[in-house]
Amino acid sequence: MIERHSVTTAFELPGLRIERSFGVARGIVVRSRSIVGALGASLQTIFGGNITLYTSLCERARQDAYERMIAQAVDLGANGIIGMRYDATEIARGITEVLCYGTAVHVTLLV
């Protein structure tokens, strides 16, 4: 299991030494909007502000991609991830790919 404090967008983990790199770990999720969700979000746009239906859809997609990246890193033997990033691409109208990736590493405490 990789602890949350062992995942960073930086290229080092303070207090830890990178002993080994396993390469890129990634998690990919492809999501589409449902008709009901699209209609509900359209209604929210009338009033302006945060479109909560899309916000929760995006948050779920990012969380799922993050968890898949963690699982792949663990399978590689890693206990940390550096340089973590998100990316999203619209594949088709209403269908989006969310990618979470980073370098899977094995770290130890600095002594």
PDB file of N, CA and C in Angstrom:
ATOM      1  N   MET A   1       0.842  -1.186   0.000  1.00  0.00           N
ATOM      2  CA  MET A   1       0.000   0.000   0.000  1.00  0.00           C
ATOM      3  C   MET A   1       0.887   1.250   0.000  1.00  0.00           C
ATOM      4  N   ILE A   2       0.487   2.221  -0.775  1.00  0.00           N
ATOM      5  CA  ILE A   2       1.210   3.490  -0.825  1.00  0.00           C
ATOM      6  C   ILE A   2       0.410   4.513  -0.041  1.00  0.00           C
ATOM      7  N   GLU A   3       1.053   5.103   0.958  1.00  0.00           N
ATOM      8  CA  GLU A   3       0.400   6.115   1.791  1.00  0.00           C
ATOM      9  C   GLU A   3       0.276   7.426   1.021  1.00  0.00           C
ATOM     10  N   ARG A   4      -0.758   8.205   1.340  1.00  0.00           N
ATOM     11  CA  ARG A   4      -0.990   9.497   0.671  1.00  0.00           C
ATOM     12  C   ARG A   4       0.223  10.426   0.757  1.00  0.00           C
ATOM     13  N   HIS A   5       0.923  10.411   1.876  1.00  0.00           N
ATOM     14  CA  HIS A   5       2.071  11.306   2.027  1.00  0.00           C
ATOM     15  C   HIS A   5       3.272  10.852   1.190  1.00  0.00           C
ATOM     16  N   SER A   6       3.179   9.678   0.570  1.00  0.00           N
ATOM     17  CA  SER A   6       4.262   9.183  -0.282  1.00  0.00           C
ATOM     18  C   SER A   6       3.968   9.392  -1.767  1.00  0.00           C
ATOM     19  N   VAL A   7       2.990  10.230  -2.065  1.00  0.00           N
ATOM     20  CA  VAL A   7       2.659  10.601  -3.449  1.00  0.00           C
ATOM     21  C   VAL A   7       2.790  12.112  -3.536  1.00  0.00           C
ATOM     22  N   THR A   8       3.555  12.575  -4.529  1.00  0.00           N
ATOM     23  CA  THR A   8       3.788  14.011  -4.647  1.00  0.00           C
ATOM     24  C   THR A   8       3.911  14.442  -6.099  1.00  0.00           C
ATOM     25  N   THR A   9       3.589  15.699  -6.340  1.00  0.00           N
ATOM     26  CA  THR A   9       3.810  16.271  -7.661  1.00  0.00           C
ATOM     27  C   THR A   9       5.262  16.726  -7.819  1.00  0.00           C
ATOM     28  N   ALA A  10       5.982  16.780  -6.714  1.00  0.00           N
ATOM     29  CA  ALA A  10       7.400  17.156  -6.744  1.00  0.00           C
ATOM     30  C   ALA A  10       8.228  15.956  -7.229  1.00  0.00           C
ATOM     31  N   PHE A  11       9.516  16.161  -7.384  1.00  0.00           N
ATOM     32  CA  PHE A  11      10.381  15.083  -7.857  1.00  0.00           C
ATOM     33  C   PHE A  11      11.266  14.531  -6.750  1.00  0.00           C
ATOM     34  N   GLU A  12      10.867  14.806  -5.512  1.00  0.00           N
ATOM     35  CA  GLU A  12      11.533  14.239  -4.347  1.00  0.00           C
ATOM     36  C   GLU A  12      10.518  14.187  -3.214  1.00  0.00           C
ATOM     37  N   LEU A  13      10.786  13.339  -2.252  1.00  0.00           N
ATOM     38  CA  LEU A  13       9.953  13.239  -1.058  1.00  0.00           C
ATOM     39  C   LEU A  13      10.831  13.619   0.126  1.00  0.00           C
ATOM     40  N   PRO A  14      10.609  14.787   0.731  1.00  0.00           N
ATOM     41  CA  PRO A  14      11.451  15.244   1.839  1.00  0.00           C
ATOM     42  C   PRO A  14      11.539  14.196   2.952  1.00  0.00           C
ATOM     43  N   GLY A  15      12.751  13.956   3.400  1.00  0.00           N
ATOM     44  CA  GLY A  15      12.987  12.988   4.463  1.00  0.00           C
ATOM     45  C   GLY A  15      13.111  11.558   3.971  1.00  0.00           C
ATOM     46  N   LEU A  16      12.941  11.365   2.677  1.00  0.00           N
ATOM     47  CA  LEU A  16      13.027  10.027   2.103  1.00  0.00           C
ATOM     48  C   LEU A  16      14.057  10.004   0.978  1.00  0.00           C
ATOM     49  N   ARG A  17      14.709   8.875   0.827  1.00  0.00           N
ATOM     50  CA  ARG A  17      15.698   8.692  -0.240  1.00  0.00           C
ATOM     51  C   ARG A  17      15.087   7.769  -1.292  1.00  0.00           C
ATOM     52  N   ILE A  18      15.178   8.170  -2.547  1.00  0.00           N
ATOM     53  CA  ILE A  18      14.707   7.313  -3.634  1.00  0.00           C
ATOM     54  C   ILE A  18      15.784   6.272  -3.904  1.00  0.00           C
ATOM     55  N   GLU A  19      15.431   5.011  -3.662  1.00  0.00           N
ATOM     56  CA  GLU A  19      16.372   3.912  -3.838  1.00  0.00           C
ATOM     57  C   GLU A  19      16.275   3.286  -5.227  1.00  0.00           C
ATOM     58  N   ARG A  20      15.060   3.293  -5.783  1.00  0.00           N
ATOM     59  CA  ARG A  20      14.861   2.630  -7.067  1.00  0.00           C
ATOM     60  C   ARG A  20      13.661   3.242  -7.785  1.00  0.00           C
ATOM     61  N   SER A  21      13.766   3.350  -9.090  1.00  0.00           N
ATOM     62  CA  SER A  21      12.653   3.821  -9.918  1.00  0.00           C
ATOM     63  C   SER A  21      12.123   2.644 -10.728  1.00  0.00           C
ATOM     64  N   PHE A  22      10.804   2.525 -10.790  1.00  0.00           N
ATOM     65  CA  PHE A  22      10.168   1.440 -11.539  1.00  0.00           C
ATOM     66  C   PHE A  22       9.549   1.936 -12.840  1.00  0.00           C
ATOM     67  N   GLY A  23       9.714   3.206 -13.154  1.00  0.00           N
ATOM     68  CA  GLY A  23       9.121   3.760 -14.363  1.00  0.00           C
ATOM     69  C   GLY A  23       7.745   4.357 -14.095  1.00  0.00           C
ATOM     70  N   VAL A  24       7.036   4.617 -15.152  1.00  0.00           N
ATOM     71  CA  VAL A  24       5.748   5.298 -15.051  1.00  0.00           C
ATOM     72  C   VAL A  24       4.650   4.330 -14.599  1.00  0.00           C
ATOM     73  N   ALA A  25       3.873   4.799 -13.630  1.00  0.00           N
ATOM     74  CA  ALA A  25       2.649   4.107 -13.226  1.00  0.00           C
ATOM     75  C   ALA A  25       1.504   4.997 -13.667  1.00  0.00           C
ATOM     76  N   ARG A  26       0.442   4.388 -14.173  1.00  0.00           N
ATOM     77  CA  ARG A  26      -0.656   5.211 -14.654  1.00  0.00           C
ATOM     78  C   ARG A  26      -1.993   4.571 -14.347  1.00  0.00           C
ATOM     79  N   GLY A  27      -2.980   5.419 -14.270  1.00  0.00           N
ATOM     80  CA  GLY A  27      -4.360   4.977 -14.117  1.00  0.00           C
ATOM     81  C   GLY A  27      -5.204   5.743 -15.111  1.00  0.00           C
ATOM     82  N   ILE A  28      -6.009   5.025 -15.875  1.00  0.00           N
ATOM     83  CA  ILE A  28      -6.821   5.647 -16.912  1.00  0.00           C
ATOM     84  C   ILE A  28      -8.286   5.313 -16.668  1.00  0.00           C
ATOM     85  N   VAL A  29      -9.139   6.334 -16.772  1.00  0.00           N
ATOM     86  CA  VAL A  29     -10.587   6.167 -16.644  1.00  0.00           C
ATOM     87  C   VAL A  29     -11.225   6.913 -17.809  1.00  0.00           C
ATOM     88  N   VAL A  30     -12.201   6.291 -18.437  1.00  0.00           N
ATOM     89  CA  VAL A  30     -12.963   6.950 -19.497  1.00  0.00           C
ATOM     90  C   VAL A  30     -14.398   7.056 -19.012  1.00  0.00           C
ATOM     91  N   ARG A  31     -14.911   8.262 -18.991  1.00  0.00           N
ATOM     92  CA  ARG A  31     -16.260   8.523 -18.470  1.00  0.00           C
ATOM     93  C   ARG A  31     -17.093   9.263 -19.500  1.00  0.00           C
ATOM     94  N   SER A  32     -18.397   9.034 -19.417  1.00  0.00           N
ATOM     95  CA  SER A  32     -19.332   9.796 -20.237  1.00  0.00           C
ATOM     96  C   SER A  32     -20.384  10.394 -19.329  1.00  0.00           C
ATOM     97  N   ARG A  33     -21.000  11.436 -19.823  1.00  0.00           N
ATOM     98  CA  ARG A  33     -22.103  12.053 -19.078  1.00  0.00           C
ATOM     99  C   ARG A  33     -23.363  11.266 -19.377  1.00  0.00           C
ATOM    100  N   SER A  34     -24.189  11.089 -18.380  1.00  0.00           N
ATOM    101  CA  SER A  34     -25.490  10.472 -18.619  1.00  0.00           C
ATOM    102  C   SER A  34     -26.455  11.544 -19.111  1.00  0.00           C
ATOM    103  N   ILE A  35     -27.513  11.123 -19.752  1.00  0.00           N
ATOM    104  CA  ILE A  35     -28.512  12.081 -20.233  1.00  0.00           C
ATOM    105  C   ILE A  35     -29.134  12.824 -19.061  1.00  0.00           C
ATOM    106  N   VAL A  36     -29.438  12.095 -17.995  1.00  0.00           N
ATOM    107  CA  VAL A  36     -30.034  12.717 -16.806  1.00  0.00           C
ATOM    108  C   VAL A  36     -29.065  13.731 -16.197  1.00  0.00           C
ATOM    109  N   GLY A  37     -27.791  13.343 -16.082  1.00  0.00           N
ATOM    110  CA  GLY A  37     -26.793  14.256 -15.533  1.00  0.00           C
ATOM    111  C   GLY A  37     -26.604  15.487 -16.401  1.00  0.00           C
ATOM    112  N   ALA A  38     -26.609  15.295 -17.721  1.00  0.00           N
ATOM    113  CA  ALA A  38     -26.450  16.427 -18.634  1.00  0.00           C
ATOM    114  C   ALA A  38     -27.629  17.390 -18.516  1.00  0.00           C
ATOM    115  N   LEU A  39     -28.833  16.839 -18.384  1.00  0.00           N
ATOM    116  CA  LEU A  39     -30.010  17.697 -18.226  1.00  0.00           C
ATOM    117  C   LEU A  39     -29.958  18.462 -16.905  1.00  0.00           C
ATOM    118  N   GLY A  40     -29.582  17.751 -15.837  1.00  0.00           N
ATOM    119  CA  GLY A  40     -29.478  18.402 -14.530  1.00  0.00           C
ATOM    120  C   GLY A  40     -28.430  19.498 -14.531  1.00  0.00           C
ATOM    121  N   ALA A  41     -27.286  19.222 -15.170  1.00  0.00           N
ATOM    122  CA  ALA A  41     -26.226  20.225 -15.244  1.00  0.00           C
ATOM    123  C   ALA A  41     -26.671  21.415 -16.090  1.00  0.00           C
ATOM    124  N   SER A  42     -27.421  21.144 -17.147  1.00  0.00           N
ATOM    125  CA  SER A  42     -27.931  22.239 -17.978  1.00  0.00           C
ATOM    126  C   SER A  42     -28.830  23.160 -17.166  1.00  0.00           C
ATOM    127  N   LEU A  43     -29.645  22.567 -16.311  1.00  0.00           N
ATOM    128  CA  LEU A  43     -30.503  23.382 -15.443  1.00  0.00           C
ATOM    129  C   LEU A  43     -29.664  24.208 -14.475  1.00  0.00           C
ATOM    130  N   GLN A  44     -28.576  23.628 -13.945  1.00  0.00           N
ATOM    131  CA  GLN A  44     -27.717  24.367 -13.022  1.00  0.00           C
ATOM    132  C   GLN A  44     -27.047  25.551 -13.715  1.00  0.00           C
ATOM    133  N   THR A  45     -26.767  25.449 -15.015  1.00  0.00           N
ATOM    134  CA  THR A  45     -26.107  26.559 -15.709  1.00  0.00           C
ATOM    135  C   THR A  45     -27.012  27.780 -15.812  1.00  0.00           C
ATOM    136  N   ILE A  46     -28.319  27.566 -15.751  1.00  0.00           N
ATOM    137  CA  ILE A  46     -29.253  28.699 -15.806  1.00  0.00           C
ATOM    138  C   ILE A  46     -29.029  29.643 -14.629  1.00  0.00           C
ATOM    139  N   PHE A  47     -28.736  29.058 -13.472  1.00  0.00           N
ATOM    140  CA  PHE A  47     -28.571  29.853 -12.256  1.00  0.00           C
ATOM    141  C   PHE A  47     -27.128  30.288 -12.028  1.00  0.00           C
ATOM    142  N   GLY A  48     -26.196  29.751 -12.805  1.00  0.00           N
ATOM    143  CA  GLY A  48     -24.789  30.128 -12.671  1.00  0.00           C
ATOM    144  C   GLY A  48     -24.132  29.465 -11.480  1.00  0.00           C
ATOM    145  N   GLY A  49     -22.867  29.740 -11.303  1.00  0.00           N
ATOM    146  CA  GLY A  49     -22.116  29.196 -10.176  1.00  0.00           C
ATOM    147  C   GLY A  49     -21.566  27.810 -10.461  1.00  0.00           C
ATOM    148  N   ASN A  50     -21.233  27.108  -9.400  1.00  0.00           N
ATOM    149  CA  ASN A  50     -20.644  25.774  -9.486  1.00  0.00           C
ATOM    150  C   ASN A  50     -21.671  24.780 -10.018  1.00  0.00           C
ATOM    151  N   ILE A  51     -21.292  24.034 -11.025  1.00  0.00           N
ATOM    152  CA  ILE A  51     -22.173  23.003 -11.576  1.00  0.00           C
ATOM    153  C   ILE A  51     -21.818  21.708 -10.864  1.00  0.00           C
ATOM    154  N   THR A  52     -22.503  21.456  -9.759  1.00  0.00           N
ATOM    155  CA  THR A  52     -22.132  20.379  -8.837  1.00  0.00           C
ATOM    156  C   THR A  52     -22.182  18.999  -9.469  1.00  0.00           C
ATOM    157  N   LEU A  53     -23.078  18.772 -10.415  1.00  0.00           N
ATOM    158  CA  LEU A  53     -23.138  17.454 -11.058  1.00  0.00           C
ATOM    159  C   LEU A  53     -21.853  17.160 -11.826  1.00  0.00           C
ATOM    160  N   TYR A  54     -21.339  18.156 -12.545  1.00  0.00           N
ATOM    161  CA  TYR A  54     -20.084  17.958 -13.269  1.00  0.00           C
ATOM    162  C   TYR A  54     -18.892  17.921 -12.321  1.00  0.00           C
ATOM    163  N   THR A  55     -18.953  18.718 -11.268  1.00  0.00           N
ATOM    164  CA  THR A  55     -17.871  18.709 -10.285  1.00  0.00           C
ATOM    165  C   THR A  55     -17.713  17.321  -9.676  1.00  0.00           C
ATOM    166  N   SER A  56     -18.819  16.716  -9.272  1.00  0.00           N
ATOM    167  CA  SER A  56     -18.732  15.382  -8.662  1.00  0.00           C
ATOM    168  C   SER A  56     -18.322  14.328  -9.688  1.00  0.00           C
ATOM    169  N   LEU A  57     -18.753  14.455 -10.938  1.00  0.00           N
ATOM    170  CA  LEU A  57     -18.333  13.522 -11.985  1.00  0.00           C
ATOM    171  C   LEU A  57     -16.829  13.606 -12.192  1.00  0.00           C
ATOM    172  N   CYS A  58     -16.304  14.826 -12.270  1.00  0.00           N
ATOM    173  CA  CYS A  58     -14.863  15.017 -12.455  1.00  0.00           C
ATOM    174  C   CYS A  58     -14.074  14.502 -11.257  1.00  0.00           C
ATOM    175  N   GLU A  59     -14.559  14.774 -10.061  1.00  0.00           N
ATOM    176  CA  GLU A  59     -13.865  14.316  -8.852  1.00  0.00           C
ATOM    177  C   GLU A  59     -13.818  12.786  -8.795  1.00  0.00           C
ATOM    178  N   ARG A  60     -14.926  12.142  -9.124  1.00  0.00           N
ATOM    179  CA  ARG A  60     -14.955  10.667  -9.130  1.00  0.00           C
ATOM    180  C   ARG A  60     -13.991  10.104 -10.166  1.00  0.00           C
ATOM    181  N   ALA A  61     -13.970  10.708 -11.346  1.00  0.00           N
ATOM    182  CA  ALA A  61     -13.071  10.231 -12.401  1.00  0.00           C
ATOM    183  C   ALA A  61     -11.613  10.386 -11.977  1.00  0.00           C
ATOM    184  N   ARG A  62     -11.260  11.517 -11.385  1.00  0.00           N
ATOM    185  CA  ARG A  62      -9.876  11.723 -10.931  1.00  0.00           C
ATOM    186  C   ARG A  62      -9.514  10.749  -9.818  1.00  0.00           C
ATOM    187  N   GLN A  63     -10.438  10.534  -8.873  1.00  0.00           N
ATOM    188  CA  GLN A  63     -10.169   9.609  -7.772  1.00  0.00           C
ATOM    189  C   GLN A  63      -9.977   8.186  -8.288  1.00  0.00           C
ATOM    190  N   ASP A  64     -10.812   7.770  -9.222  1.00  0.00           N
ATOM    191  CA  ASP A  64     -10.672   6.425  -9.794  1.00  0.00           C
ATOM    192  C   ASP A  64      -9.355   6.272 -10.536  1.00  0.00           C
ATOM    193  N   ALA A  65      -8.962   7.279 -11.317  1.00  0.00           N
ATOM    194  CA  ALA A  65      -7.693   7.231 -12.044  1.00  0.00           C
ATOM    195  C   ALA A  65      -6.521   7.191 -11.059  1.00  0.00           C
ATOM    196  N   TYR A  66      -6.609   7.982  -9.984  1.00  0.00           N
ATOM    197  CA  TYR A  66      -5.570   8.011  -8.945  1.00  0.00           C
ATOM    198  C   TYR A  66      -5.425   6.623  -8.307  1.00  0.00           C
ATOM    199  N   GLU A  67      -6.532   6.017  -7.940  1.00  0.00           N
ATOM    200  CA  GLU A  67      -6.489   4.693  -7.309  1.00  0.00           C
ATOM    201  C   GLU A  67      -5.922   3.634  -8.244  1.00  0.00           C
ATOM    202  N   ARG A  68      -6.231   3.731  -9.525  1.00  0.00           N
ATOM    203  CA  ARG A  68      -5.672   2.783 -10.500  1.00  0.00           C
ATOM    204  C   ARG A  68      -4.169   2.981 -10.654  1.00  0.00           C
ATOM    205  N   MET A  69      -3.710   4.247 -10.611  1.00  0.00           N
ATOM    206  CA  MET A  69      -2.274   4.510 -10.671  1.00  0.00           C
ATOM    207  C   MET A  69      -1.578   3.908  -9.455  1.00  0.00           C
ATOM    208  N   ILE A  70      -2.163   4.102  -8.277  1.00  0.00           N
ATOM    209  CA  ILE A  70      -1.586   3.540  -7.049  1.00  0.00           C
ATOM    210  C   ILE A  70      -1.489   2.023  -7.160  1.00  0.00           C
ATOM    211  N   ALA A  71      -2.551   1.383  -7.632  1.00  0.00           N
ATOM    212  CA  ALA A  71      -2.561  -0.079  -7.759  1.00  0.00           C
ATOM    213  C   ALA A  71      -1.465  -0.551  -8.709  1.00  0.00           C
ATOM    214  N   GLN A  72      -1.278   0.143  -9.830  1.00  0.00           N
ATOM    215  CA  GLN A  72      -0.235  -0.260 -10.764  1.00  0.00           C
ATOM    216  C   GLN A  72       1.151  -0.077 -10.139  1.00  0.00           C
ATOM    217  N   ALA A  73       1.351   1.015  -9.403  1.00  0.00           N
ATOM    218  CA  ALA A  73       2.643   1.256  -8.749  1.00  0.00           C
ATOM    219  C   ALA A  73       2.941   0.159  -7.721  1.00  0.00           C
ATOM    220  N   VAL A  74       1.939  -0.222  -6.949  1.00  0.00           N
ATOM    221  CA  VAL A  74       2.123  -1.292  -5.962  1.00  0.00           C
ATOM    222  C   VAL A  74       2.483  -2.593  -6.666  1.00  0.00           C
ATOM    223  N   ASP A  75       1.808  -2.882  -7.776  1.00  0.00           N
ATOM    224  CA  ASP A  75       2.121  -4.093  -8.544  1.00  0.00           C
ATOM    225  C   ASP A  75       3.561  -4.090  -9.039  1.00  0.00           C
ATOM    226  N   LEU A  76       4.098  -2.902  -9.305  1.00  0.00           N
ATOM    227  CA  LEU A  76       5.487  -2.787  -9.753  1.00  0.00           C
ATOM    228  C   LEU A  76       6.477  -2.946  -8.600  1.00  0.00           C
ATOM    229  N   GLY A  77       6.000  -2.845  -7.357  1.00  0.00           N
ATOM    230  CA  GLY A  77       6.865  -2.954  -6.185  1.00  0.00           C
ATOM    231  C   GLY A  77       7.190  -1.624  -5.537  1.00  0.00           C
ATOM    232  N   ALA A  78       6.502  -0.579  -5.934  1.00  0.00           N
ATOM    233  CA  ALA A  78       6.788   0.768  -5.416  1.00  0.00           C
ATOM    234  C   ALA A  78       6.102   1.010  -4.073  1.00  0.00           C
ATOM    235  N   ASN A  79       6.676   1.938  -3.314  1.00  0.00           N
ATOM    236  CA  ASN A  79       6.041   2.411  -2.079  1.00  0.00           C
ATOM    237  C   ASN A  79       5.907   3.936  -2.088  1.00  0.00           C
ATOM    238  N   GLY A  80       6.125   4.540  -3.264  1.00  0.00           N
ATOM    239  CA  GLY A  80       5.958   5.978  -3.422  1.00  0.00           C
ATOM    240  C   GLY A  80       5.800   6.341  -4.889  1.00  0.00           C
ATOM    241  N   ILE A  81       5.302   7.550  -5.121  1.00  0.00           N
ATOM    242  CA  ILE A  81       5.155   8.059  -6.489  1.00  0.00           C
ATOM    243  C   ILE A  81       5.582   9.520  -6.484  1.00  0.00           C
ATOM    244  N   ILE A  82       6.469   9.862  -7.416  1.00  0.00           N
ATOM    245  CA  ILE A  82       6.896  11.247  -7.571  1.00  0.00           C
ATOM    246  C   ILE A  82       6.441  11.763  -8.940  1.00  0.00           C
ATOM    247  N   GLY A  83       6.370  13.084  -9.073  1.00  0.00           N
ATOM    248  CA  GLY A  83       6.012  13.697 -10.342  1.00  0.00           C
ATOM    249  C   GLY A  83       4.596  13.373 -10.795  1.00  0.00           C
ATOM    250  N   MET A  84       3.680  13.180  -9.837  1.00  0.00           N
ATOM    251  CA  MET A  84       2.305  12.802 -10.163  1.00  0.00           C
ATOM    252  C   MET A  84       1.598  13.942 -10.889  1.00  0.00           C
ATOM    253  N   ARG A  85       0.854  13.588 -11.938  1.00  0.00           N
ATOM    254  CA  ARG A  85       0.109  14.568 -12.734  1.00  0.00           C
ATOM    255  C   ARG A  85      -1.235  13.977 -13.151  1.00  0.00           C
ATOM    256  N   TYR A  86      -2.161  14.871 -13.501  1.00  0.00           N
ATOM    257  CA  TYR A  86      -3.432  14.496 -14.117  1.00  0.00           C
ATOM    258  C   TYR A  86      -3.461  15.064 -15.522  1.00  0.00           C
ATOM    259  N   ASP A  87      -4.161  14.378 -16.399  1.00  0.00           N
ATOM    260  CA  ASP A  87      -4.404  14.895 -17.735  1.00  0.00           C
ATOM    261  C   ASP A  87      -5.798  14.439 -18.135  1.00  0.00           C
ATOM    262  N   ALA A  88      -6.463  15.198 -18.957  1.00  0.00           N
ATOM    263  CA  ALA A  88      -7.791  14.818 -19.435  1.00  0.00           C
ATOM    264  C   ALA A  88      -7.900  15.170 -20.906  1.00  0.00           C
ATOM    265  N   THR A  89      -8.553  14.291 -21.643  1.00  0.00           N
ATOM    266  CA  THR A  89      -8.747  14.484 -23.070  1.00  0.00           C
ATOM    267  C   THR A  89     -10.170  14.117 -23.428  1.00  0.00           C
ATOM    268  N   GLU A  90     -10.813  14.976 -24.196  1.00  0.00           N
ATOM    269  CA  GLU A  90     -12.142  14.640 -24.689  1.00  0.00           C
ATOM    270  C   GLU A  90     -11.971  13.740 -25.907  1.00  0.00           C
ATOM    271  N   ILE A  91     -12.426  12.491 -25.791  1.00  0.00           N
ATOM    272  CA  ILE A  91     -12.277  11.512 -26.872  1.00  0.00           C
ATOM    273  C   ILE A  91     -13.365  11.723 -27.923  1.00  0.00           C
ATOM    274  N   ALA A  92     -14.567  11.948 -27.463  1.00  0.00           N
ATOM    275  CA  ALA A  92     -15.718  12.225 -28.323  1.00  0.00           C
ATOM    276  C   ALA A  92     -16.629  13.146 -27.521  1.00  0.00           C
ATOM    277  N   ARG A  93     -17.638  13.673 -28.154  1.00  0.00           N
ATOM    278  CA  ARG A  93     -18.530  14.589 -27.447  1.00  0.00           C
ATOM    279  C   ARG A  93     -19.141  13.888 -26.233  1.00  0.00           C
ATOM    280  N   GLY A  94     -18.878  14.440 -25.057  1.00  0.00           N
ATOM    281  CA  GLY A  94     -19.430  13.891 -23.825  1.00  0.00           C
ATOM    282  C   GLY A  94     -18.651  12.711 -23.248  1.00  0.00           C
ATOM    283  N   ILE A  95     -17.535  12.329 -23.885  1.00  0.00           N
ATOM    284  CA  ILE A  95     -16.714  11.212 -23.394  1.00  0.00           C
ATOM    285  C   ILE A  95     -15.305  11.718 -23.141  1.00  0.00           C
ATOM    286  N   THR A  96     -14.865  11.582 -21.910  1.00  0.00           N
ATOM    287  CA  THR A  96     -13.568  12.126 -21.513  1.00  0.00           C
ATOM    288  C   THR A  96     -12.696  11.051 -20.880  1.00  0.00           C
ATOM    289  N   GLU A  97     -11.430  11.067 -21.258  1.00  0.00           N
ATOM    290  CA  GLU A  97     -10.432  10.194 -20.647  1.00  0.00           C
ATOM    291  C   GLU A  97      -9.728  11.008 -19.570  1.00  0.00           C
ATOM    292  N   VAL A  98      -9.585  10.428 -18.388  1.00  0.00           N
ATOM    293  CA  VAL A  98      -8.817  11.053 -17.317  1.00  0.00           C
ATOM    294  C   VAL A  98      -7.636  10.140 -17.026  1.00  0.00           C
ATOM    295  N   LEU A  99      -6.448  10.706 -17.063  1.00  0.00           N
ATOM    296  CA  LEU A  99      -5.214   9.971 -16.851  1.00  0.00           C
ATOM    297  C   LEU A  99      -4.513  10.532 -15.624  1.00  0.00           C
ATOM    298  N   CYS A 100      -4.074   9.658 -14.749  1.00  0.00           N
ATOM    299  CA  CYS A 100      -3.251  10.036 -13.605  1.00  0.00           C
ATOM    300  C   CYS A 100      -1.963   9.241 -13.738  1.00  0.00           C
ATOM    301  N   TYR A 101      -0.822   9.921 -13.675  1.00  0.00           N
ATOM    302  CA  TYR A 101       0.436   9.216 -13.872  1.00  0.00           C
ATOM    303  C   TYR A 101       1.540   9.831 -13.026  1.00  0.00           C
ATOM    304  N   GLY A 102       2.557   9.042 -12.782  1.00  0.00           N
ATOM    305  CA  GLY A 102       3.728   9.495 -12.045  1.00  0.00           C
ATOM    306  C   GLY A 102       4.799   8.422 -12.088  1.00  0.00           C
ATOM    307  N   THR A 103       5.939   8.735 -11.530  1.00  0.00           N
ATOM    308  CA  THR A 103       7.041   7.777 -11.501  1.00  0.00           C
ATOM    309  C   THR A 103       6.946   6.954 -10.228  1.00  0.00           C
ATOM    310  N   ALA A 104       6.812   5.632 -10.396  1.00  0.00           N
ATOM    311  CA  ALA A 104       6.740   4.710  -9.258  1.00  0.00           C
ATOM    312  C   ALA A 104       8.153   4.513  -8.717  1.00  0.00           C
ATOM    313  N   VAL A 105       8.323   4.708  -7.417  1.00  0.00           N
ATOM    314  CA  VAL A 105       9.648   4.601  -6.807  1.00  0.00           C
ATOM    315  C   VAL A 105       9.575   3.798  -5.503  1.00  0.00           C
ATOM    316  N   HIS A 106      10.758   3.293  -5.110  1.00  0.00           N
ATOM    317  CA  HIS A 106      10.901   2.702  -3.782  1.00  0.00           C
ATOM    318  C   HIS A 106      11.745   3.661  -2.969  1.00  0.00           C
ATOM    319  N   VAL A 107      11.196   4.071  -1.824  1.00  0.00           N
ATOM    320  CA  VAL A 107      11.883   5.050  -0.979  1.00  0.00           C
ATOM    321  C   VAL A 107      12.166   4.456   0.405  1.00  0.00           C
ATOM    322  N   THR A 108      13.215   4.996   1.035  1.00  0.00           N
ATOM    323  CA  THR A 108      13.543   4.634   2.413  1.00  0.00           C
ATOM    324  C   THR A 108      13.776   5.934   3.200  1.00  0.00           C
ATOM    325  N   LEU A 109      13.681   5.825   4.504  1.00  0.00           N
ATOM    326  CA  LEU A 109      13.935   6.985   5.366  1.00  0.00           C
ATOM    327  C   LEU A 109      15.395   7.390   5.301  1.00  0.00           C
ATOM    328  N   LEU A 110      15.631   8.698   5.265  1.00  0.00           N
ATOM    329  CA  LEU A 110      17.007   9.193   5.352  1.00  0.00           C
ATOM    330  C   LEU A 110      17.504   8.961   6.778  1.00  0.00           C
ATOM    331  N   VAL A 111      18.716   8.568   6.908  1.00  0.00           N
ATOM    332  CA  VAL A 111      19.262   8.319   8.246  1.00  0.00           C
ATOM    333  C   VAL A 111      20.391   9.277   8.516  1.00  0.00           C
TER     334      VAL A 111
END
